Amino acid sequence: MHIQKLFVIIAFNESLIETAIKWLKLVPVIGAKLQVPFKAILDGQKLKLHKKSAEKVQEAGGNILGSIFEKFVIAMILYFVISIVNSFAQSYHKRIHKKKH
């Protein structure tokens, strides 16, 4: 519980977030390239949280990532259901085959 409280305090402390973004620039090769998208994402989230209606602020990258993850989860669930149906069909076929012999 205390770790969760600490994470929330750090996550919503704007000065710590700004410092972390500045430190991100120190990462070799990709640091400067990652700094701009992270800043944009955090600014978008800040605007979204401060607006009264979530419909006013459109997310540029969040919708794409969310929809990809949603489709991945749906595909996993469908695969699980098809696997169960296939298992039932195989056991049914095995039972019928044993009755014939």
PDB file of N, CA and C in Angstrom:
ATOM      1  N   MET A   1       0.824  -1.194   0.000  1.00  0.00           N
ATOM      2  CA  MET A   1       0.000   0.000   0.000  1.00  0.00           C
ATOM      3  C   MET A   1       0.867   1.256   0.000  1.00  0.00           C
ATOM      4  N   HIS A   2       1.951   1.238   0.747  1.00  0.00           N
ATOM      5  CA  HIS A   2       2.815   2.410   0.822  1.00  0.00           C
ATOM      6  C   HIS A   2       3.543   2.655  -0.499  1.00  0.00           C
ATOM      7  N   ILE A   3       3.885   1.571  -1.186  1.00  0.00           N
ATOM      8  CA  ILE A   3       4.536   1.710  -2.482  1.00  0.00           C
ATOM      9  C   ILE A   3       3.575   2.368  -3.467  1.00  0.00           C
ATOM     10  N   GLN A   4       2.315   1.998  -3.392  1.00  0.00           N
ATOM     11  CA  GLN A   4       1.314   2.583  -4.277  1.00  0.00           C
ATOM     12  C   GLN A   4       1.148   4.077  -3.985  1.00  0.00           C
ATOM     13  N   LYS A   5       1.108   4.448  -2.716  1.00  0.00           N
ATOM     14  CA  LYS A   5       0.998   5.861  -2.363  1.00  0.00           C
ATOM     15  C   LYS A   5       2.206   6.639  -2.868  1.00  0.00           C
ATOM     16  N   LEU A   6       3.381   6.073  -2.700  1.00  0.00           N
ATOM     17  CA  LEU A   6       4.600   6.722  -3.161  1.00  0.00           C
ATOM     18  C   LEU A   6       4.570   6.910  -4.671  1.00  0.00           C
ATOM     19  N   PHE A   7       4.123   5.895  -5.384  1.00  0.00           N
ATOM     20  CA  PHE A   7       4.036   5.991  -6.844  1.00  0.00           C
ATOM     21  C   PHE A   7       3.056   7.079  -7.266  1.00  0.00           C
ATOM     22  N   VAL A   8       1.925   7.189  -6.604  1.00  0.00           N
ATOM     23  CA  VAL A   8       0.937   8.211  -6.950  1.00  0.00           C
ATOM     24  C   VAL A   8       1.495   9.602  -6.678  1.00  0.00           C
ATOM     25  N   ILE A   9       2.192   9.761  -5.572  1.00  0.00           N
ATOM     26  CA  ILE A   9       2.790  11.064  -5.257  1.00  0.00           C
ATOM     27  C   ILE A   9       3.815  11.449  -6.309  1.00  0.00           C
ATOM     28  N   ILE A  10       4.641  10.499  -6.689  1.00  0.00           N
ATOM     29  CA  ILE A  10       5.660  10.778  -7.703  1.00  0.00           C
ATOM     30  C   ILE A  10       5.017  11.023  -9.066  1.00  0.00           C
ATOM     31  N   ALA A  11       4.008  10.235  -9.395  1.00  0.00           N
ATOM     32  CA  ALA A  11       3.377  10.346 -10.712  1.00  0.00           C
ATOM     33  C   ALA A  11       2.668  11.674 -10.906  1.00  0.00           C
ATOM     34  N   PHE A  12       2.149  12.264  -9.833  1.00  0.00           N
ATOM     35  CA  PHE A  12       1.406  13.511  -9.971  1.00  0.00           C
ATOM     36  C   PHE A  12       2.201  14.735  -9.537  1.00  0.00           C
ATOM     37  N   ASN A  13       3.484  14.563  -9.291  1.00  0.00           N
ATOM     38  CA  ASN A  13       4.339  15.687  -8.956  1.00  0.00           C
ATOM     39  C   ASN A  13       4.954  16.211 -10.252  1.00  0.00           C
ATOM     40  N   GLU A  14       4.521  17.394 -10.651  1.00  0.00           N
ATOM     41  CA  GLU A  14       4.919  17.918 -11.959  1.00  0.00           C
ATOM     42  C   GLU A  14       6.412  18.198 -12.046  1.00  0.00           C
ATOM     43  N   SER A  15       7.009  18.658 -10.970  1.00  0.00           N
ATOM     44  CA  SER A  15       8.446  18.953 -11.026  1.00  0.00           C
ATOM     45  C   SER A  15       9.275  17.676 -11.177  1.00  0.00           C
ATOM     46  N   LEU A  16       8.849  16.594 -10.533  1.00  0.00           N
ATOM     47  CA  LEU A  16       9.568  15.327 -10.689  1.00  0.00           C
ATOM     48  C   LEU A  16       9.424  14.774 -12.100  1.00  0.00           C
ATOM     49  N   ILE A  17       8.256  14.938 -12.683  1.00  0.00           N
ATOM     50  CA  ILE A  17       8.027  14.471 -14.048  1.00  0.00           C
ATOM     51  C   ILE A  17       8.903  15.264 -15.025  1.00  0.00           C
ATOM     52  N   GLU A  18       8.972  16.584 -14.834  1.00  0.00           N
ATOM     53  CA  GLU A  18       9.812  17.415 -15.696  1.00  0.00           C
ATOM     54  C   GLU A  18      11.284  17.014 -15.575  1.00  0.00           C
ATOM     55  N   THR A  19      11.715  16.727 -14.346  1.00  0.00           N
ATOM     56  CA  THR A  19      13.099  16.294 -14.131  1.00  0.00           C
ATOM     57  C   THR A  19      13.360  14.958 -14.819  1.00  0.00           C
ATOM     58  N   ALA A  20      12.407  14.040 -14.733  1.00  0.00           N
ATOM     59  CA  ALA A  20      12.567  12.732 -15.381  1.00  0.00           C
ATOM     60  C   ALA A  20      12.643  12.885 -16.895  1.00  0.00           C
ATOM     61  N   ILE A  21      11.864  13.796 -17.450  1.00  0.00           N
ATOM     62  CA  ILE A  21      11.908  14.014 -18.904  1.00  0.00           C
ATOM     63  C   ILE A  21      13.253  14.613 -19.302  1.00  0.00           C
ATOM     64  N   LYS A  22      13.794  15.514 -18.471  1.00  0.00           N
ATOM     65  CA  LYS A  22      15.117  16.080 -18.759  1.00  0.00           C
ATOM     66  C   LYS A  22      16.199  15.004 -18.683  1.00  0.00           C
ATOM     67  N   TRP A  23      16.071  14.084 -17.736  1.00  0.00           N
ATOM     68  CA  TRP A  23      17.040  12.995 -17.608  1.00  0.00           C
ATOM     69  C   TRP A  23      16.945  12.035 -18.788  1.00  0.00           C
ATOM     70  N   LEU A  24      15.764  11.938 -19.362  1.00  0.00           N
ATOM     71  CA  LEU A  24      15.562  11.057 -20.511  1.00  0.00           C
ATOM     72  C   LEU A  24      16.453  11.458 -21.677  1.00  0.00           C
ATOM     73  N   LYS A  25      16.777  12.753 -21.754  1.00  0.00           N
ATOM     74  CA  LYS A  25      17.634  13.234 -22.829  1.00  0.00           C
ATOM     75  C   LYS A  25      19.053  12.675 -22.710  1.00  0.00           C
ATOM     76  N   LEU A  26      19.437  12.257 -21.516  1.00  0.00           N
ATOM     77  CA  LEU A  26      20.784  11.740 -21.284  1.00  0.00           C
ATOM     78  C   LEU A  26      20.970  10.307 -21.785  1.00  0.00           C
ATOM     79  N   VAL A  27      19.891   9.636 -22.119  1.00  0.00           N
ATOM     80  CA  VAL A  27      19.993   8.272 -22.639  1.00  0.00           C
ATOM     81  C   VAL A  27      20.665   8.340 -24.009  1.00  0.00           C
ATOM     82  N   PRO A  28      21.724   7.546 -24.215  1.00  0.00           N
ATOM     83  CA  PRO A  28      22.424   7.629 -25.501  1.00  0.00           C
ATOM     84  C   PRO A  28      21.538   7.222 -26.683  1.00  0.00           C
ATOM     85  N   VAL A  29      21.766   7.805 -27.797  1.00  0.00           N
ATOM     86  CA  VAL A  29      21.160   7.554 -29.103  1.00  0.00           C
ATOM     87  C   VAL A  29      19.665   7.907 -29.159  1.00  0.00           C
ATOM     88  N   ILE A  30      18.820   7.348 -28.285  1.00  0.00           N
ATOM     89  CA  ILE A  30      17.372   7.534 -28.416  1.00  0.00           C
ATOM     90  C   ILE A  30      16.785   8.510 -27.410  1.00  0.00           C
ATOM     91  N   GLY A  31      17.581   9.031 -26.497  1.00  0.00           N
ATOM     92  CA  GLY A  31      17.056   9.890 -25.441  1.00  0.00           C
ATOM     93  C   GLY A  31      16.382  11.139 -25.946  1.00  0.00           C
ATOM     94  N   ALA A  32      17.048  11.860 -26.840  1.00  0.00           N
ATOM     95  CA  ALA A  32      16.472  13.100 -27.363  1.00  0.00           C
ATOM     96  C   ALA A  32      15.231  12.824 -28.205  1.00  0.00           C
ATOM     97  N   LYS A  33      15.217  11.689 -28.891  1.00  0.00           N
ATOM     98  CA  LYS A  33      14.063  11.347 -29.724  1.00  0.00           C
ATOM     99  C   LYS A  33      12.859  10.944 -28.879  1.00  0.00           C
ATOM    100  N   LEU A  34      13.102  10.360 -27.707  1.00  0.00           N
ATOM    101  CA  LEU A  34      12.003   9.948 -26.836  1.00  0.00           C
ATOM    102  C   LEU A  34      11.460  11.087 -25.990  1.00  0.00           C
ATOM    103  N   GLN A  35      12.262  12.110 -25.795  1.00  0.00           N
ATOM    104  CA  GLN A  35      11.876  13.198 -24.909  1.00  0.00           C
ATOM    105  C   GLN A  35      10.639  13.937 -25.431  1.00  0.00           C
ATOM    106  N   VAL A  36      10.579  14.203 -26.715  1.00  0.00           N
ATOM    107  CA  VAL A  36       9.456  14.948 -27.291  1.00  0.00           C
ATOM    108  C   VAL A  36       8.138  14.163 -27.203  1.00  0.00           C
ATOM    109  N   PRO A  37       8.087  12.864 -27.604  1.00  0.00           N
ATOM    110  CA  PRO A  37       6.803  12.142 -27.493  1.00  0.00           C
ATOM    111  C   PRO A  37       6.319  11.989 -26.047  1.00  0.00           C
ATOM    112  N   PHE A  38       7.245  11.736 -25.112  1.00  0.00           N
ATOM    113  CA  PHE A  38       6.827  11.603 -23.714  1.00  0.00           C
ATOM    114  C   PHE A  38       6.243  12.905 -23.193  1.00  0.00           C
ATOM    115  N   LYS A  39       6.874  14.015 -23.555  1.00  0.00           N
ATOM    116  CA  LYS A  39       6.370  15.324 -23.129  1.00  0.00           C
ATOM    117  C   LYS A  39       4.980  15.564 -23.711  1.00  0.00           C
ATOM    118  N   ALA A  40       4.793  15.208 -24.995  1.00  0.00           N
ATOM    119  CA  ALA A  40       3.491  15.393 -25.636  1.00  0.00           C
ATOM    120  C   ALA A  40       2.418  14.518 -24.987  1.00  0.00           C
ATOM    121  N   ILE A  41       2.768  13.283 -24.680  1.00  0.00           N
ATOM    122  CA  ILE A  41       1.810  12.370 -24.037  1.00  0.00           C
ATOM    123  C   ILE A  41       1.408  12.890 -22.660  1.00  0.00           C
ATOM    124  N   LEU A  42       2.389  13.328 -21.885  1.00  0.00           N
ATOM    125  CA  LEU A  42       2.090  13.837 -20.545  1.00  0.00           C
ATOM    126  C   LEU A  42       1.280  15.123 -20.594  1.00  0.00           C
ATOM    127  N   ASP A  43       1.574  15.999 -21.541  1.00  0.00           N
ATOM    128  CA  ASP A  43       0.775  17.220 -21.683  1.00  0.00           C
ATOM    129  C   ASP A  43      -0.661  16.890 -22.089  1.00  0.00           C
ATOM    130  N   GLY A  44      -0.815  15.914 -22.978  1.00  0.00           N
ATOM    131  CA  GLY A  44      -2.156  15.493 -23.381  1.00  0.00           C
ATOM    132  C   GLY A  44      -2.947  14.911 -22.222  1.00  0.00           C
ATOM    133  N   GLN A  45      -2.286  14.104 -21.402  1.00  0.00           N
ATOM    134  CA  GLN A  45      -2.956  13.527 -20.233  1.00  0.00           C
ATOM    135  C   GLN A  45      -3.338  14.622 -19.235  1.00  0.00           C
ATOM    136  N   LYS A  46      -2.456  15.597 -19.070  1.00  0.00           N
ATOM    137  CA  LYS A  46      -2.744  16.697 -18.149  1.00  0.00           C
ATOM    138  C   LYS A  46      -3.962  17.478 -18.621  1.00  0.00           C
ATOM    139  N   LEU A  47      -4.018  17.769 -19.933  1.00  0.00           N
ATOM    140  CA  LEU A  47      -5.185  18.465 -20.472  1.00  0.00           C
ATOM    141  C   LEU A  47      -6.453  17.634 -20.318  1.00  0.00           C
ATOM    142  N   LYS A  48      -6.330  16.349 -20.545  1.00  0.00           N
ATOM    143  CA  LYS A  48      -7.488  15.457 -20.442  1.00  0.00           C
ATOM    144  C   LYS A  48      -8.026  15.406 -19.010  1.00  0.00           C
ATOM    145  N   LEU A  49      -7.121  15.376 -18.043  1.00  0.00           N
ATOM    146  CA  LEU A  49      -7.556  15.323 -16.645  1.00  0.00           C
ATOM    147  C   LEU A  49      -8.157  16.647 -16.178  1.00  0.00           C
ATOM    148  N   HIS A  50      -7.724  17.745 -16.761  1.00  0.00           N
ATOM    149  CA  HIS A  50      -8.231  19.042 -16.329  1.00  0.00           C
ATOM    150  C   HIS A  50      -9.494  19.462 -17.061  1.00  0.00           C
ATOM    151  N   LYS A  51      -9.819  18.816 -18.144  1.00  0.00           N
ATOM    152  CA  LYS A  51     -11.050  19.136 -18.869  1.00  0.00           C
ATOM    153  C   LYS A  51     -12.217  18.436 -18.183  1.00  0.00           C
ATOM    154  N   LYS A  52     -13.380  19.060 -18.264  1.00  0.00           N
ATOM    155  CA  LYS A  52     -14.568  18.456 -17.660  1.00  0.00           C
ATOM    156  C   LYS A  52     -15.133  17.339 -18.522  1.00  0.00           C
ATOM    157  N   SER A  53     -14.919  17.427 -19.820  1.00  0.00           N
ATOM    158  CA  SER A  53     -15.421  16.419 -20.737  1.00  0.00           C
ATOM    159  C   SER A  53     -14.251  15.783 -21.467  1.00  0.00           C
ATOM    160  N   ALA A  54     -14.174  14.476 -21.429  1.00  0.00           N
ATOM    161  CA  ALA A  54     -13.075  13.769 -22.101  1.00  0.00           C
ATOM    162  C   ALA A  54     -13.221  13.822 -23.616  1.00  0.00           C
ATOM    163  N   GLU A  55     -14.384  14.206 -24.102  1.00  0.00           N
ATOM    164  CA  GLU A  55     -14.611  14.256 -25.543  1.00  0.00           C
ATOM    165  C   GLU A  55     -13.924  15.452 -26.190  1.00  0.00           C
ATOM    166  N   LYS A  56     -13.604  16.475 -25.410  1.00  0.00           N
ATOM    167  CA  LYS A  56     -13.012  17.688 -25.975  1.00  0.00           C
ATOM    168  C   LYS A  56     -11.563  17.485 -26.381  1.00  0.00           C
ATOM    169  N   VAL A  57     -10.862  16.604 -25.692  1.00  0.00           N
ATOM    170  CA  VAL A  57      -9.453  16.376 -25.988  1.00  0.00           C
ATOM    171  C   VAL A  57      -9.323  15.039 -26.691  1.00  0.00           C
ATOM    172  N   GLN A  58      -8.749  15.046 -27.879  1.00  0.00           N
ATOM    173  CA  GLN A  58      -8.559  13.810 -28.626  1.00  0.00           C
ATOM    174  C   GLN A  58      -7.125  13.362 -28.454  1.00  0.00           C
ATOM    175  N   GLU A  59      -6.958  12.080 -28.162  1.00  0.00           N
ATOM    176  CA  GLU A  59      -5.621  11.522 -28.036  1.00  0.00           C
ATOM    177  C   GLU A  59      -5.120  11.108 -29.402  1.00  0.00           C
ATOM    178  N   ALA A  60      -3.865  11.445 -29.702  1.00  0.00           N
ATOM    179  CA  ALA A  60      -3.305  11.084 -30.998  1.00  0.00           C
ATOM    180  C   ALA A  60      -2.774   9.662 -30.976  1.00  0.00           C
ATOM    181  N   GLY A  61      -1.920   9.328 -29.999  1.00  0.00           N
ATOM    182  CA  GLY A  61      -1.305   8.014 -29.978  1.00  0.00           C
ATOM    183  C   GLY A  61      -2.020   7.024 -29.087  1.00  0.00           C
ATOM    184  N   GLY A  62      -2.795   7.489 -28.132  1.00  0.00           N
ATOM    185  CA  GLY A  62      -3.441   6.605 -27.175  1.00  0.00           C
ATOM    186  C   GLY A  62      -4.515   5.738 -27.792  1.00  0.00           C
ATOM    187  N   ASN A  63      -5.270   6.285 -28.721  1.00  0.00           N
ATOM    188  CA  ASN A  63      -6.338   5.521 -29.342  1.00  0.00           C
ATOM    189  C   ASN A  63      -5.793   4.369 -30.172  1.00  0.00           C
ATOM    190  N   ILE A  64      -4.706   4.607 -30.884  1.00  0.00           N
ATOM    191  CA  ILE A  64      -4.126   3.557 -31.719  1.00  0.00           C
ATOM    192  C   ILE A  64      -3.616   2.417 -30.853  1.00  0.00           C
ATOM    193  N   LEU A  65      -2.864   2.755 -29.824  1.00  0.00           N
ATOM    194  CA  LEU A  65      -2.313   1.737 -28.939  1.00  0.00           C
ATOM    195  C   LEU A  65      -3.417   0.991 -28.201  1.00  0.00           C
ATOM    196  N   GLY A  66      -4.422   1.729 -27.751  1.00  0.00           N
ATOM    197  CA  GLY A  66      -5.544   1.101 -27.053  1.00  0.00           C
ATOM    198  C   GLY A  66      -6.319   0.157 -27.945  1.00  0.00           C
ATOM    199  N   SER A  67      -6.536   0.564 -29.187  1.00  0.00           N
ATOM    200  CA  SER A  67      -7.296  -0.300 -30.093  1.00  0.00           C
ATOM    201  C   SER A  67      -6.496  -1.545 -30.471  1.00  0.00           C
ATOM    202  N   ILE A  68      -5.175  -1.397 -30.628  1.00  0.00           N
ATOM    203  CA  ILE A  68      -4.339  -2.571 -30.921  1.00  0.00           C
ATOM    204  C   ILE A  68      -4.383  -3.550 -29.753  1.00  0.00           C
ATOM    205  N   PHE A  69      -4.257  -3.034 -28.537  1.00  0.00           N
ATOM    206  CA  PHE A  69      -4.294  -3.906 -27.358  1.00  0.00           C
ATOM    207  C   PHE A  69      -5.662  -4.560 -27.216  1.00  0.00           C
ATOM    208  N   GLU A  70      -6.723  -3.807 -27.489  1.00  0.00           N
ATOM    209  CA  GLU A  70      -8.072  -4.357 -27.407  1.00  0.00           C
ATOM    210  C   GLU A  70      -8.262  -5.496 -28.405  1.00  0.00           C
ATOM    211  N   LYS A  71      -7.782  -5.314 -29.625  1.00  0.00           N
ATOM    212  CA  LYS A  71      -7.888  -6.374 -30.630  1.00  0.00           C
ATOM    213  C   LYS A  71      -7.059  -7.597 -30.241  1.00  0.00           C
ATOM    214  N   PHE A  72      -5.901  -7.365 -29.632  1.00  0.00           N
ATOM    215  CA  PHE A  72      -5.064  -8.470 -29.168  1.00  0.00           C
ATOM    216  C   PHE A  72      -5.778  -9.280 -28.083  1.00  0.00           C
ATOM    217  N   VAL A  73      -6.411  -8.604 -27.150  1.00  0.00           N
ATOM    218  CA  VAL A  73      -7.139  -9.298 -26.078  1.00  0.00           C
ATOM    219  C   VAL A  73      -8.325 -10.064 -26.653  1.00  0.00           C
ATOM    220  N   ILE A  74      -9.046  -9.467 -27.583  1.00  0.00           N
ATOM    221  CA  ILE A  74     -10.184 -10.156 -28.213  1.00  0.00           C
ATOM    222  C   ILE A  74      -9.706 -11.394 -28.960  1.00  0.00           C
ATOM    223  N   ALA A  75      -8.571 -11.278 -29.664  1.00  0.00           N
ATOM    224  CA  ALA A  75      -8.024 -12.435 -30.384  1.00  0.00           C
ATOM    225  C   ALA A  75      -7.639 -13.545 -29.413  1.00  0.00           C
ATOM    226  N   MET A  76      -7.059 -13.189 -28.272  1.00  0.00           N
ATOM    227  CA  MET A  76      -6.692 -14.204 -27.275  1.00  0.00           C
ATOM    228  C   MET A  76      -7.928 -14.906 -26.724  1.00  0.00           C
ATOM    229  N   ILE A  77      -8.980 -14.151 -26.452  1.00  0.00           N
ATOM    230  CA  ILE A  77     -10.211 -14.747 -25.925  1.00  0.00           C
ATOM    231  C   ILE A  77     -10.840 -15.665 -26.963  1.00  0.00           C
ATOM    232  N   LEU A  78     -10.883 -15.214 -28.223  1.00  0.00           N
ATOM    233  CA  LEU A  78     -11.429 -16.065 -29.286  1.00  0.00           C
ATOM    234  C   LEU A  78     -10.622 -17.343 -29.448  1.00  0.00           C
ATOM    235  N   TYR A  79      -9.291 -17.240 -29.394  1.00  0.00           N
ATOM    236  CA  TYR A  79      -8.444 -18.426 -29.489  1.00  0.00           C
ATOM    237  C   TYR A  79      -8.731 -19.378 -28.334  1.00  0.00           C
ATOM    238  N   PHE A  80      -8.922 -18.845 -27.143  1.00  0.00           N
ATOM    239  CA  PHE A  80      -9.225 -19.671 -25.980  1.00  0.00           C
ATOM    240  C   PHE A  80     -10.554 -20.397 -26.155  1.00  0.00           C
ATOM    241  N   VAL A  81     -11.576 -19.689 -26.635  1.00  0.00           N
ATOM    242  CA  VAL A  81     -12.898 -20.303 -26.827  1.00  0.00           C
ATOM    243  C   VAL A  81     -12.824 -21.368 -27.920  1.00  0.00           C
ATOM    244  N   ILE A  82     -12.145 -21.072 -29.020  1.00  0.00           N
ATOM    245  CA  ILE A  82     -12.014 -22.053 -30.103  1.00  0.00           C
ATOM    246  C   ILE A  82     -11.243 -23.274 -29.625  1.00  0.00           C
ATOM    247  N   SER A  83     -10.234 -23.066 -28.809  1.00  0.00           N
ATOM    248  CA  SER A  83      -9.462 -24.182 -28.262  1.00  0.00           C
ATOM    249  C   SER A  83     -10.330 -25.081 -27.386  1.00  0.00           C
ATOM    250  N   ILE A  84     -11.190 -24.491 -26.583  1.00  0.00           N
ATOM    251  CA  ILE A  84     -12.088 -25.277 -25.726  1.00  0.00           C
ATOM    252  C   ILE A  84     -13.076 -26.069 -26.576  1.00  0.00           C
ATOM    253  N   VAL A  85     -13.660 -25.427 -27.592  1.00  0.00           N
ATOM    254  CA  VAL A  85     -14.613 -26.118 -28.468  1.00  0.00           C
ATOM    255  C   VAL A  85     -13.913 -27.262 -29.197  1.00  0.00           C
ATOM    256  N   ASN A  86     -12.691 -27.032 -29.652  1.00  0.00           N
ATOM    257  CA  ASN A  86     -11.932 -28.076 -30.334  1.00  0.00           C
ATOM    258  C   ASN A  86     -11.652 -29.251 -29.394  1.00  0.00           C
ATOM    259  N   SER A  87     -11.304 -28.950 -28.162  1.00  0.00           N
ATOM    260  CA  SER A  87     -11.046 -30.006 -27.182  1.00  0.00           C
ATOM    261  C   SER A  87     -12.304 -30.831 -26.920  1.00  0.00           C
ATOM    262  N   PHE A  88     -13.447 -30.154 -26.784  1.00  0.00           N
ATOM    263  CA  PHE A  88     -14.708 -30.873 -26.588  1.00  0.00           C
ATOM    264  C   PHE A  88     -15.035 -31.739 -27.804  1.00  0.00           C
ATOM    265  N   ALA A  89     -14.801 -31.215 -28.992  1.00  0.00           N
ATOM    266  CA  ALA A  89     -15.089 -31.980 -30.208  1.00  0.00           C
ATOM    267  C   ALA A  89     -14.198 -33.210 -30.311  1.00  0.00           C
ATOM    268  N   GLN A  90     -12.933 -33.078 -29.947  1.00  0.00           N
ATOM    269  CA  GLN A  90     -12.021 -34.224 -29.989  1.00  0.00           C
ATOM    270  C   GLN A  90     -12.422 -35.287 -28.976  1.00  0.00           C
ATOM    271  N   SER A  91     -12.795 -34.869 -27.773  1.00  0.00           N
ATOM    272  CA  SER A  91     -13.205 -35.861 -26.779  1.00  0.00           C
ATOM    273  C   SER A  91     -14.519 -36.529 -27.174  1.00  0.00           C
ATOM    274  N   TYR A  92     -15.442 -35.774 -27.788  1.00  0.00           N
ATOM    275  CA  TYR A  92     -16.702 -36.343 -28.267  1.00  0.00           C
ATOM    276  C   TYR A  92     -16.441 -37.356 -29.377  1.00  0.00           C
ATOM    277  N   HIS A  93     -15.554 -37.002 -30.306  1.00  0.00           N
ATOM    278  CA  HIS A  93     -15.213 -37.913 -31.398  1.00  0.00           C
ATOM    279  C   HIS A  93     -14.555 -39.181 -30.854  1.00  0.00           C
ATOM    280  N   LYS A  94     -13.707 -39.030 -29.864  1.00  0.00           N
ATOM    281  CA  LYS A  94     -13.029 -40.179 -29.260  1.00  0.00           C
ATOM    282  C   LYS A  94     -14.047 -41.098 -28.581  1.00  0.00           C
ATOM    283  N   ARG A  95     -15.016 -40.501 -27.887  1.00  0.00           N
ATOM    284  CA  ARG A  95     -16.045 -41.286 -27.206  1.00  0.00           C
ATOM    285  C   ARG A  95     -16.901 -42.045 -28.217  1.00  0.00           C
ATOM    286  N   ILE A  96     -17.295 -41.386 -29.294  1.00  0.00           N
ATOM    287  CA  ILE A  96     -18.108 -42.039 -30.320  1.00  0.00           C
ATOM    288  C   ILE A  96     -17.299 -43.157 -31.000  1.00  0.00           C
ATOM    289  N   HIS A  97     -16.046 -42.909 -31.255  1.00  0.00           N
ATOM    290  CA  HIS A  97     -15.181 -43.912 -31.905  1.00  0.00           C
ATOM    291  C   HIS A  97     -15.026 -45.148 -31.016  1.00  0.00           C
ATOM    292  N   LYS A  98     -14.938 -44.972 -29.683  1.00  0.00           N
ATOM    293  CA  LYS A  98     -14.812 -46.099 -28.770  1.00  0.00           C
ATOM    294  C   LYS A  98     -16.109 -46.925 -28.753  1.00  0.00           C
ATOM    295  N   LYS A  99     -17.268 -46.263 -28.834  1.00  0.00           N
ATOM    296  CA  LYS A  99     -18.555 -46.975 -28.817  1.00  0.00           C
ATOM    297  C   LYS A  99     -18.709 -47.842 -30.071  1.00  0.00           C
ATOM    298  N   LYS A 100     -18.183 -47.390 -31.213  1.00  0.00           N
ATOM    299  CA  LYS A 100     -18.313 -48.161 -32.446  1.00  0.00           C
ATOM    300  C   LYS A 100     -17.473 -49.427 -32.402  1.00  0.00           C
ATOM    301  N   HIS A 101     -16.327 -49.383 -31.709  1.00  0.00           N
ATOM    302  CA  HIS A 101     -15.462 -50.558 -31.661  1.00  0.00           C
ATOM    303  C   HIS A 101     -15.722 -51.285 -30.427  1.00  0.00           C
TER     304      HIS A 101
END
